[in-house]
Amino acid sequence: MAAALAGDGNAYRKLLAELVPWLRRYYRRRLPLSMTEDAVQDVLLAIHEKRHTYDPARPFAPWLAAIARYKWIDRMRAPSWDNTEPLDDNLGVPDHENAVIAEKTFDRLLGILKPAQAQVIRLVKIEGYSLAEAAKATGQSVTLVKVNIHRGLKRLTAAAQDGSDED
């Protein structure tokens, strides 16, 4: 690595080539086989991007191991690290007719609530406002926003359960 930092391109290529088997062994013990190569490539890219942080006066192996460990942790934290199912081509493409029906149904359900409850549920649960933002927008206290959401959702749940019992 010290030679690579000094500008020796052959030493850098040799270093990266020698790291691949070690990285594969490292990740085969920690990740599903299907994720091993991607993790190896992530580390090689990170080494390239962070090579300027390596201090030639210090050992190389701990520096490499730290990068490999951080990339492994990143993979483990990813929300769908074990999801290998192919995505549907129509994913995220809403059916307009069903979307309109769902919106009308939702509006009708919110209509059974007190206006203050419906307003904060729409702001916080649908539009993504924080409790403080919803409180400011409605003039309610944060505590009242919480209470209105709780009571409104409780009432919606009861209405949905009553509606399903009629079927």
N, C-alpha and C. Protein backbone atom coordinates (compact mmCIF):
# COMPACT_ATOMS: atom_id res chain seq x y z
N MET A 1 0.83 -1.19 0.00
CA MET A 1 0.00 0.00 0.00
C MET A 1 0.87 1.25 0.00
N ALA A 2 1.99 1.20 0.72
CA ALA A 2 2.88 2.35 0.75
C ALA A 2 3.42 2.65 -0.64
N ALA A 3 3.78 1.60 -1.39
CA ALA A 3 4.27 1.80 -2.76
C ALA A 3 3.17 2.35 -3.65
N ALA A 4 1.97 1.88 -3.46
CA ALA A 4 0.83 2.37 -4.26
C ALA A 4 0.60 3.85 -3.98
N LEU A 5 0.70 4.24 -2.72
CA LEU A 5 0.52 5.65 -2.37
C LEU A 5 1.63 6.52 -2.95
N ALA A 6 2.80 5.91 -3.16
CA ALA A 6 3.92 6.64 -3.74
C ALA A 6 3.79 6.75 -5.26
N GLY A 7 2.73 6.15 -5.82
CA GLY A 7 2.48 6.29 -7.25
C GLY A 7 2.77 5.06 -8.07
N ASP A 8 3.09 3.94 -7.46
CA ASP A 8 3.39 2.71 -8.19
C ASP A 8 2.07 2.00 -8.54
N GLY A 9 1.63 2.16 -9.78
CA GLY A 9 0.36 1.58 -10.23
C GLY A 9 0.37 0.07 -10.22
N ASN A 10 1.52 -0.54 -10.57
CA ASN A 10 1.61 -2.01 -10.56
C ASN A 10 1.45 -2.56 -9.15
N ALA A 11 2.06 -1.89 -8.18
CA ALA A 11 1.92 -2.32 -6.78
C ALA A 11 0.48 -2.20 -6.33
N TYR A 12 -0.22 -1.17 -6.77
CA TYR A 12 -1.62 -0.96 -6.38
C TYR A 12 -2.50 -2.06 -6.97
N ARG A 13 -2.31 -2.38 -8.26
CA ARG A 13 -3.09 -3.46 -8.89
C ARG A 13 -2.82 -4.80 -8.21
N LYS A 14 -1.56 -5.06 -7.89
CA LYS A 14 -1.19 -6.31 -7.22
C LYS A 14 -1.83 -6.38 -5.83
N LEU A 15 -1.80 -5.26 -5.10
CA LEU A 15 -2.41 -5.22 -3.78
C LEU A 15 -3.90 -5.55 -3.85
N LEU A 16 -4.61 -4.89 -4.75
CA LEU A 16 -6.06 -5.13 -4.86
C LEU A 16 -6.35 -6.58 -5.24
N ALA A 17 -5.55 -7.13 -6.17
CA ALA A 17 -5.75 -8.52 -6.57
C ALA A 17 -5.50 -9.48 -5.41
N GLU A 18 -4.51 -9.17 -4.57
CA GLU A 18 -4.22 -10.04 -3.42
C GLU A 18 -5.25 -9.91 -2.31
N LEU A 19 -5.96 -8.80 -2.26
CA LEU A 19 -6.97 -8.61 -1.23
C LEU A 19 -8.25 -9.39 -1.50
N VAL A 20 -8.56 -9.63 -2.76
CA VAL A 20 -9.83 -10.26 -3.12
C VAL A 20 -10.03 -11.61 -2.43
N PRO A 21 -9.07 -12.55 -2.45
CA PRO A 21 -9.32 -13.83 -1.76
C PRO A 21 -9.56 -13.67 -0.26
N TRP A 22 -8.80 -12.78 0.39
CA TRP A 22 -9.00 -12.56 1.82
C TRP A 22 -10.39 -12.00 2.09
N LEU A 23 -10.81 -11.02 1.28
CA LEU A 23 -12.13 -10.42 1.46
C LEU A 23 -13.24 -11.44 1.23
N ARG A 24 -13.07 -12.29 0.23
CA ARG A 24 -14.09 -13.33 -0.02
C ARG A 24 -14.23 -14.25 1.18
N ARG A 25 -13.10 -14.69 1.74
CA ARG A 25 -13.17 -15.55 2.93
C ARG A 25 -13.84 -14.81 4.08
N TYR A 26 -13.49 -13.56 4.28
CA TYR A 26 -14.05 -12.75 5.35
C TYR A 26 -15.57 -12.67 5.24
N TYR A 27 -16.07 -12.39 4.05
CA TYR A 27 -17.51 -12.21 3.87
C TYR A 27 -18.28 -13.52 3.76
N ARG A 28 -17.64 -14.58 3.31
CA ARG A 28 -18.34 -15.87 3.24
C ARG A 28 -18.72 -16.37 4.63
N ARG A 29 -17.98 -15.96 5.63
CA ARG A 29 -18.31 -16.36 7.01
C ARG A 29 -19.37 -15.47 7.63
N ARG A 30 -19.68 -14.33 6.98
CA ARG A 30 -20.54 -13.34 7.60
C ARG A 30 -21.82 -13.01 6.83
N LEU A 31 -21.82 -13.30 5.54
CA LEU A 31 -22.95 -12.92 4.69
C LEU A 31 -23.43 -14.10 3.85
N PRO A 32 -24.67 -14.03 3.35
CA PRO A 32 -25.10 -15.04 2.39
C PRO A 32 -24.18 -15.02 1.16
N LEU A 33 -23.99 -16.17 0.56
CA LEU A 33 -23.08 -16.29 -0.57
C LEU A 33 -23.41 -15.32 -1.69
N SER A 34 -24.70 -15.06 -1.91
CA SER A 34 -25.13 -14.17 -2.99
C SER A 34 -24.67 -12.72 -2.77
N MET A 35 -24.31 -12.37 -1.55
CA MET A 35 -23.91 -10.99 -1.25
C MET A 35 -22.40 -10.81 -1.15
N THR A 36 -21.66 -11.89 -1.22
CA THR A 36 -20.22 -11.84 -1.00
C THR A 36 -19.50 -10.95 -2.02
N GLU A 37 -19.75 -11.17 -3.29
CA GLU A 37 -19.02 -10.42 -4.31
C GLU A 37 -19.32 -8.91 -4.25
N ASP A 38 -20.58 -8.58 -3.99
CA ASP A 38 -20.92 -7.16 -3.87
C ASP A 38 -20.18 -6.53 -2.69
N ALA A 39 -20.08 -7.26 -1.59
CA ALA A 39 -19.38 -6.74 -0.42
C ALA A 39 -17.90 -6.56 -0.71
N VAL A 40 -17.31 -7.53 -1.41
CA VAL A 40 -15.89 -7.42 -1.79
C VAL A 40 -15.68 -6.17 -2.64
N GLN A 41 -16.54 -5.97 -3.61
CA GLN A 41 -16.41 -4.80 -4.48
C GLN A 41 -16.59 -3.50 -3.70
N ASP A 42 -17.51 -3.51 -2.74
CA ASP A 42 -17.70 -2.32 -1.90
C ASP A 42 -16.42 -1.95 -1.15
N VAL A 43 -15.73 -2.98 -0.63
CA VAL A 43 -14.50 -2.73 0.11
C VAL A 43 -13.40 -2.23 -0.82
N LEU A 44 -13.27 -2.85 -1.99
CA LEU A 44 -12.24 -2.40 -2.93
C LEU A 44 -12.48 -0.94 -3.33
N LEU A 45 -13.72 -0.59 -3.54
CA LEU A 45 -14.05 0.79 -3.87
C LEU A 45 -13.75 1.72 -2.70
N ALA A 46 -14.08 1.29 -1.49
CA ALA A 46 -13.81 2.11 -0.31
C ALA A 46 -12.30 2.29 -0.11
N ILE A 47 -11.54 1.24 -0.34
CA ILE A 47 -10.08 1.36 -0.23
C ILE A 47 -9.57 2.41 -1.23
N HIS A 48 -10.09 2.33 -2.43
CA HIS A 48 -9.66 3.29 -3.45
C HIS A 48 -10.03 4.73 -3.06
N GLU A 49 -11.24 4.90 -2.57
CA GLU A 49 -11.70 6.23 -2.21
C GLU A 49 -11.02 6.78 -0.95
N LYS A 50 -10.65 5.90 -0.03
CA LYS A 50 -10.08 6.33 1.26
C LYS A 50 -8.59 6.05 1.38
N ARG A 51 -7.93 5.73 0.28
CA ARG A 51 -6.51 5.38 0.35
C ARG A 51 -5.67 6.51 0.93
N HIS A 52 -6.12 7.73 0.74
CA HIS A 52 -5.37 8.87 1.28
C HIS A 52 -5.35 8.91 2.81
N THR A 53 -6.26 8.15 3.44
CA THR A 53 -6.31 8.15 4.91
C THR A 53 -5.35 7.12 5.51
N TYR A 54 -4.80 6.24 4.67
CA TYR A 54 -3.88 5.23 5.19
C TYR A 54 -2.54 5.88 5.55
N ASP A 55 -2.04 5.55 6.72
CA ASP A 55 -0.75 6.05 7.19
C ASP A 55 0.28 4.94 7.00
N PRO A 56 1.22 5.11 6.07
CA PRO A 56 2.22 4.06 5.81
C PRO A 56 3.07 3.69 7.03
N ALA A 57 3.09 4.52 8.04
CA ALA A 57 3.85 4.21 9.25
C ALA A 57 3.12 3.20 10.14
N ARG A 58 1.88 2.91 9.81
CA ARG A 58 1.08 1.98 10.61
C ARG A 58 0.82 0.71 9.81
N PRO A 59 0.45 -0.38 10.49
CA PRO A 59 0.17 -1.64 9.78
C PRO A 59 -1.05 -1.51 8.87
N PHE A 60 -0.99 -2.21 7.74
CA PHE A 60 -2.06 -2.15 6.76
C PHE A 60 -3.26 -3.02 7.15
N ALA A 61 -3.01 -4.20 7.70
CA ALA A 61 -4.08 -5.17 7.98
C ALA A 61 -5.19 -4.60 8.88
N PRO A 62 -4.88 -3.92 9.97
CA PRO A 62 -5.97 -3.36 10.79
C PRO A 62 -6.78 -2.31 10.05
N TRP A 63 -6.13 -1.52 9.22
CA TRP A 63 -6.83 -0.51 8.42
C TRP A 63 -7.80 -1.19 7.47
N LEU A 64 -7.33 -2.24 6.79
CA LEU A 64 -8.18 -3.01 5.87
C LEU A 64 -9.33 -3.68 6.62
N ALA A 65 -9.02 -4.31 7.75
CA ALA A 65 -10.04 -5.02 8.53
C ALA A 65 -11.12 -4.05 9.01
N ALA A 66 -10.75 -2.85 9.37
CA ALA A 66 -11.74 -1.87 9.81
C ALA A 66 -12.68 -1.51 8.67
N ILE A 67 -12.14 -1.30 7.48
CA ILE A 67 -12.99 -0.98 6.33
C ILE A 67 -13.92 -2.14 6.03
N ALA A 68 -13.40 -3.37 6.03
CA ALA A 68 -14.22 -4.55 5.75
C ALA A 68 -15.33 -4.68 6.80
N ARG A 69 -15.01 -4.44 8.05
CA ARG A 69 -16.01 -4.55 9.12
C ARG A 69 -17.10 -3.50 8.95
N TYR A 70 -16.71 -2.25 8.65
CA TYR A 70 -17.72 -1.20 8.46
C TYR A 70 -18.63 -1.50 7.28
N LYS A 71 -18.07 -2.04 6.21
CA LYS A 71 -18.90 -2.39 5.04
C LYS A 71 -19.82 -3.56 5.38
N TRP A 72 -19.36 -4.48 6.20
CA TRP A 72 -20.21 -5.59 6.64
C TRP A 72 -21.37 -5.06 7.48
N ILE A 73 -21.07 -4.15 8.39
CA ILE A 73 -22.12 -3.55 9.23
C ILE A 73 -23.12 -2.80 8.36
N ASP A 74 -22.64 -2.06 7.37
CA ASP A 74 -23.54 -1.36 6.45
C ASP A 74 -24.49 -2.33 5.78
N ARG A 75 -23.97 -3.46 5.35
CA ARG A 75 -24.81 -4.48 4.69
C ARG A 75 -25.84 -5.05 5.65
N MET A 76 -25.45 -5.26 6.89
CA MET A 76 -26.38 -5.83 7.88
C MET A 76 -27.47 -4.83 8.25
N ARG A 77 -27.16 -3.56 8.18
CA ARG A 77 -28.14 -2.53 8.54
C ARG A 77 -29.10 -2.23 7.40
N ALA A 78 -28.77 -2.61 6.20
CA ALA A 78 -29.63 -2.34 5.05
C ALA A 78 -30.99 -2.98 5.30
N PRO A 79 -32.09 -2.25 5.04
CA PRO A 79 -33.42 -2.75 5.39
C PRO A 79 -33.79 -4.06 4.70
N SER A 80 -33.27 -4.34 3.54
CA SER A 80 -33.68 -5.55 2.83
C SER A 80 -32.46 -6.38 2.46
N TRP A 81 -31.54 -6.55 3.38
CA TRP A 81 -30.29 -7.23 3.05
C TRP A 81 -30.50 -8.68 2.67
N ASP A 82 -31.58 -9.31 3.11
CA ASP A 82 -31.79 -10.71 2.75
C ASP A 82 -32.91 -10.89 1.73
N ASN A 83 -33.39 -9.82 1.16
CA ASN A 83 -34.47 -9.90 0.19
C ASN A 83 -33.89 -10.14 -1.20
N THR A 84 -34.14 -11.32 -1.74
CA THR A 84 -33.60 -11.64 -3.06
C THR A 84 -34.69 -11.88 -4.09
N GLU A 85 -35.93 -11.51 -3.77
CA GLU A 85 -37.02 -11.70 -4.71
C GLU A 85 -36.96 -10.65 -5.81
N PRO A 86 -37.22 -11.05 -7.06
CA PRO A 86 -37.23 -10.06 -8.14
C PRO A 86 -38.41 -9.10 -7.97
N LEU A 87 -38.22 -7.87 -8.42
CA LEU A 87 -39.28 -6.87 -8.33
C LEU A 87 -40.23 -7.00 -9.50
N ASP A 88 -41.49 -6.76 -9.21
CA ASP A 88 -42.53 -6.77 -10.23
C ASP A 88 -42.35 -5.54 -11.13
N ASP A 89 -42.55 -5.72 -12.43
CA ASP A 89 -42.41 -4.60 -13.37
C ASP A 89 -43.40 -3.48 -13.10
N ASN A 90 -44.54 -3.79 -12.48
CA ASN A 90 -45.57 -2.79 -12.23
C ASN A 90 -45.50 -2.22 -10.82
N LEU A 91 -44.42 -2.48 -10.12
CA LEU A 91 -44.27 -2.00 -8.76
C LEU A 91 -44.33 -0.48 -8.73
N GLY A 92 -45.19 0.06 -7.90
CA GLY A 92 -45.27 1.50 -7.75
C GLY A 92 -46.15 2.19 -8.77
N VAL A 93 -46.74 1.43 -9.66
CA VAL A 93 -47.63 2.04 -10.66
C VAL A 93 -49.05 1.84 -10.17
N PRO A 94 -49.67 2.92 -9.65
CA PRO A 94 -51.01 2.76 -9.07
C PRO A 94 -52.07 2.57 -10.14
N ASP A 95 -53.06 1.78 -9.79
CA ASP A 95 -54.23 1.63 -10.63
C ASP A 95 -55.11 2.83 -10.32
N HIS A 96 -55.31 3.72 -11.28
CA HIS A 96 -56.00 4.99 -11.04
C HIS A 96 -57.40 4.78 -10.48
N GLU A 97 -58.15 3.85 -11.03
CA GLU A 97 -59.52 3.64 -10.57
C GLU A 97 -59.54 3.20 -9.10
N ASN A 98 -58.66 2.26 -8.73
CA ASN A 98 -58.62 1.80 -7.34
C ASN A 98 -58.11 2.90 -6.41
N ALA A 99 -57.20 3.73 -6.89
CA ALA A 99 -56.69 4.83 -6.07
C ALA A 99 -57.80 5.82 -5.77
N VAL A 100 -58.64 6.11 -6.75
CA VAL A 100 -59.75 7.04 -6.55
C VAL A 100 -60.75 6.46 -5.56
N ILE A 101 -61.05 5.18 -5.69
CA ILE A 101 -61.98 4.52 -4.78
C ILE A 101 -61.42 4.52 -3.36
N ALA A 102 -60.13 4.23 -3.24
CA ALA A 102 -59.51 4.20 -1.91
C ALA A 102 -59.53 5.59 -1.27
N GLU A 103 -59.25 6.62 -2.07
CA GLU A 103 -59.26 7.97 -1.51
C GLU A 103 -60.67 8.36 -1.06
N LYS A 104 -61.68 8.03 -1.85
CA LYS A 104 -63.07 8.35 -1.46
C LYS A 104 -63.45 7.59 -0.20
N THR A 105 -63.05 6.33 -0.10
CA THR A 105 -63.35 5.52 1.08
C THR A 105 -62.67 6.11 2.31
N PHE A 106 -61.41 6.50 2.14
CA PHE A 106 -60.68 7.09 3.25
C PHE A 106 -61.31 8.41 3.68
N ASP A 107 -61.68 9.24 2.72
CA ASP A 107 -62.34 10.51 3.05
C ASP A 107 -63.65 10.27 3.79
N ARG A 108 -64.38 9.24 3.36
CA ARG A 108 -65.65 8.90 4.01
C ARG A 108 -65.39 8.46 5.45
N LEU A 109 -64.34 7.66 5.65
CA LEU A 109 -64.00 7.22 7.01
C LEU A 109 -63.58 8.40 7.88
N LEU A 110 -62.77 9.30 7.33
CA LEU A 110 -62.39 10.48 8.11
C LEU A 110 -63.59 11.34 8.44
N GLY A 111 -64.63 11.27 7.61
CA GLY A 111 -65.85 12.04 7.84
C GLY A 111 -66.60 11.65 9.09
N ILE A 112 -66.35 10.46 9.62
CA ILE A 112 -67.05 10.05 10.85
C ILE A 112 -66.35 10.61 12.09
N LEU A 113 -65.16 11.17 11.89
CA LEU A 113 -64.39 11.71 13.02
C LEU A 113 -64.73 13.17 13.27
N LYS A 114 -64.35 13.62 14.45
CA LYS A 114 -64.42 15.05 14.72
C LYS A 114 -63.42 15.73 13.79
N PRO A 115 -63.72 16.95 13.31
CA PRO A 115 -62.81 17.62 12.37
C PRO A 115 -61.37 17.73 12.87
N ALA A 116 -61.17 17.99 14.15
CA ALA A 116 -59.81 18.13 14.69
C ALA A 116 -59.06 16.80 14.61
N GLN A 117 -59.78 15.69 14.85
CA GLN A 117 -59.15 14.37 14.76
C GLN A 117 -58.79 14.05 13.32
N ALA A 118 -59.72 14.27 12.42
CA ALA A 118 -59.47 13.98 11.00
C ALA A 118 -58.30 14.80 10.47
N GLN A 119 -58.26 16.06 10.87
CA GLN A 119 -57.21 16.96 10.38
C GLN A 119 -55.82 16.49 10.82
N VAL A 120 -55.65 16.14 12.09
CA VAL A 120 -54.32 15.74 12.55
C VAL A 120 -53.93 14.35 12.03
N ILE A 121 -54.90 13.47 11.86
CA ILE A 121 -54.59 12.15 11.28
C ILE A 121 -54.11 12.33 9.85
N ARG A 122 -54.78 13.17 9.10
CA ARG A 122 -54.36 13.42 7.72
C ARG A 122 -52.95 14.03 7.68
N LEU A 123 -52.71 15.01 8.54
CA LEU A 123 -51.40 15.68 8.55
C LEU A 123 -50.27 14.75 8.97
N VAL A 124 -50.46 14.04 10.07
CA VAL A 124 -49.37 13.23 10.62
C VAL A 124 -49.24 11.88 9.92
N LYS A 125 -50.34 11.17 9.75
CA LYS A 125 -50.28 9.81 9.23
C LYS A 125 -50.23 9.74 7.70
N ILE A 126 -50.80 10.71 7.02
CA ILE A 126 -50.83 10.66 5.55
C ILE A 126 -49.76 11.58 4.95
N GLU A 127 -49.71 12.81 5.42
CA GLU A 127 -48.80 13.79 4.82
C GLU A 127 -47.42 13.80 5.45
N GLY A 128 -47.23 13.10 6.57
CA GLY A 128 -45.91 12.95 7.16
C GLY A 128 -45.44 14.09 8.03
N TYR A 129 -46.34 14.92 8.50
CA TYR A 129 -45.96 16.00 9.41
C TYR A 129 -45.47 15.40 10.72
N SER A 130 -44.58 16.09 11.40
CA SER A 130 -44.22 15.69 12.76
C SER A 130 -45.35 16.16 13.67
N LEU A 131 -45.35 15.68 14.91
CA LEU A 131 -46.37 16.12 15.86
C LEU A 131 -46.29 17.63 16.09
N ALA A 132 -45.07 18.14 16.19
CA ALA A 132 -44.90 19.59 16.42
C ALA A 132 -45.40 20.38 15.21
N GLU A 133 -45.12 19.90 14.01
CA GLU A 133 -45.58 20.60 12.80
C GLU A 133 -47.10 20.59 12.71
N ALA A 134 -47.70 19.45 13.04
CA ALA A 134 -49.16 19.36 13.01
C ALA A 134 -49.78 20.27 14.07
N ALA A 135 -49.16 20.33 15.23
CA ALA A 135 -49.66 21.21 16.29
C ALA A 135 -49.63 22.66 15.82
N LYS A 136 -48.55 23.05 15.20
CA LYS A 136 -48.41 24.43 14.72
C LYS A 136 -49.42 24.72 13.61
N ALA A 137 -49.62 23.77 12.70
CA ALA A 137 -50.54 23.98 11.58
C ALA A 137 -51.99 24.05 12.02
N THR A 138 -52.33 23.34 13.11
CA THR A 138 -53.73 23.29 13.55
C THR A 138 -54.04 24.19 14.73
N GLY A 139 -53.00 24.68 15.39
CA GLY A 139 -53.23 25.50 16.57
C GLY A 139 -53.49 24.67 17.81
N GLN A 140 -53.31 23.37 17.73
CA GLN A 140 -53.49 22.49 18.88
C GLN A 140 -52.13 22.31 19.57
N SER A 141 -52.18 21.91 20.83
CA SER A 141 -50.93 21.58 21.52
C SER A 141 -50.47 20.21 21.02
N VAL A 142 -49.20 19.90 21.22
CA VAL A 142 -48.67 18.59 20.82
C VAL A 142 -49.41 17.48 21.55
N THR A 143 -49.70 17.71 22.82
CA THR A 143 -50.44 16.71 23.60
C THR A 143 -51.82 16.48 23.01
N LEU A 144 -52.51 17.56 22.63
CA LEU A 144 -53.84 17.42 22.05
C LEU A 144 -53.77 16.72 20.69
N VAL A 145 -52.73 16.99 19.92
CA VAL A 145 -52.56 16.30 18.64
C VAL A 145 -52.45 14.79 18.89
N LYS A 146 -51.63 14.41 19.87
CA LYS A 146 -51.47 12.98 20.21
C LYS A 146 -52.80 12.36 20.62
N VAL A 147 -53.53 13.08 21.47
CA VAL A 147 -54.83 12.57 21.95
C VAL A 147 -55.81 12.43 20.79
N ASN A 148 -55.86 13.44 19.92
CA ASN A 148 -56.79 13.39 18.78
C ASN A 148 -56.43 12.26 17.82
N ILE A 149 -55.15 12.03 17.60
CA ILE A 149 -54.75 10.92 16.74
C ILE A 149 -55.15 9.60 17.38
N HIS A 150 -54.85 9.44 18.65
CA HIS A 150 -55.18 8.20 19.35
C HIS A 150 -56.69 7.93 19.32
N ARG A 151 -57.45 8.93 19.69
CA ARG A 151 -58.91 8.74 19.73
C ARG A 151 -59.49 8.54 18.32
N GLY A 152 -58.96 9.28 17.35
CA GLY A 152 -59.44 9.14 15.98
C GLY A 152 -59.14 7.77 15.41
N LEU A 153 -57.92 7.28 15.62
CA LEU A 153 -57.57 5.94 15.12
C LEU A 153 -58.37 4.86 15.82
N LYS A 154 -58.63 5.07 17.11
CA LYS A 154 -59.44 4.11 17.86
C LYS A 154 -60.86 4.06 17.28
N ARG A 155 -61.39 5.22 16.95
CA ARG A 155 -62.74 5.28 16.38
C ARG A 155 -62.76 4.68 14.97
N LEU A 156 -61.72 4.94 14.17
CA LEU A 156 -61.64 4.35 12.83
C LEU A 156 -61.54 2.83 12.91
N THR A 157 -60.75 2.33 13.84
CA THR A 157 -60.63 0.89 14.02
C THR A 157 -61.97 0.26 14.38
N ALA A 158 -62.67 0.91 15.30
CA ALA A 158 -63.98 0.38 15.70
C ALA A 158 -64.96 0.42 14.51
N ALA A 159 -64.91 1.48 13.71
CA ALA A 159 -65.80 1.57 12.55
C ALA A 159 -65.46 0.50 11.53
N ALA A 160 -64.17 0.26 11.31
CA ALA A 160 -63.77 -0.77 10.35
C ALA A 160 -64.17 -2.15 10.82
N GLN A 161 -64.04 -2.40 12.12
CA GLN A 161 -64.44 -3.71 12.67
C GLN A 161 -65.95 -3.88 12.60
N ASP A 162 -66.70 -2.81 12.86
CA ASP A 162 -68.16 -2.89 12.77
C ASP A 162 -68.57 -3.13 11.32
N GLY A 163 -67.89 -2.51 10.39
CA GLY A 163 -68.20 -2.68 8.98
C GLY A 163 -67.89 -4.08 8.49
N SER A 164 -66.81 -4.69 9.00
CA SER A 164 -66.44 -6.03 8.57
C SER A 164 -67.38 -7.07 9.17
N ASP A 165 -67.97 -6.75 10.33
CA ASP A 165 -68.92 -7.69 10.95
C ASP A 165 -70.21 -7.75 10.16
N GLU A 166 -70.55 -6.70 9.41
CA GLU A 166 -71.81 -6.68 8.67
C GLU A 166 -71.73 -7.54 7.42
N ASP A 167 -70.49 -7.86 6.94
CA ASP A 167 -70.36 -8.63 5.71
C ASP A 167 -70.76 -10.02 5.91
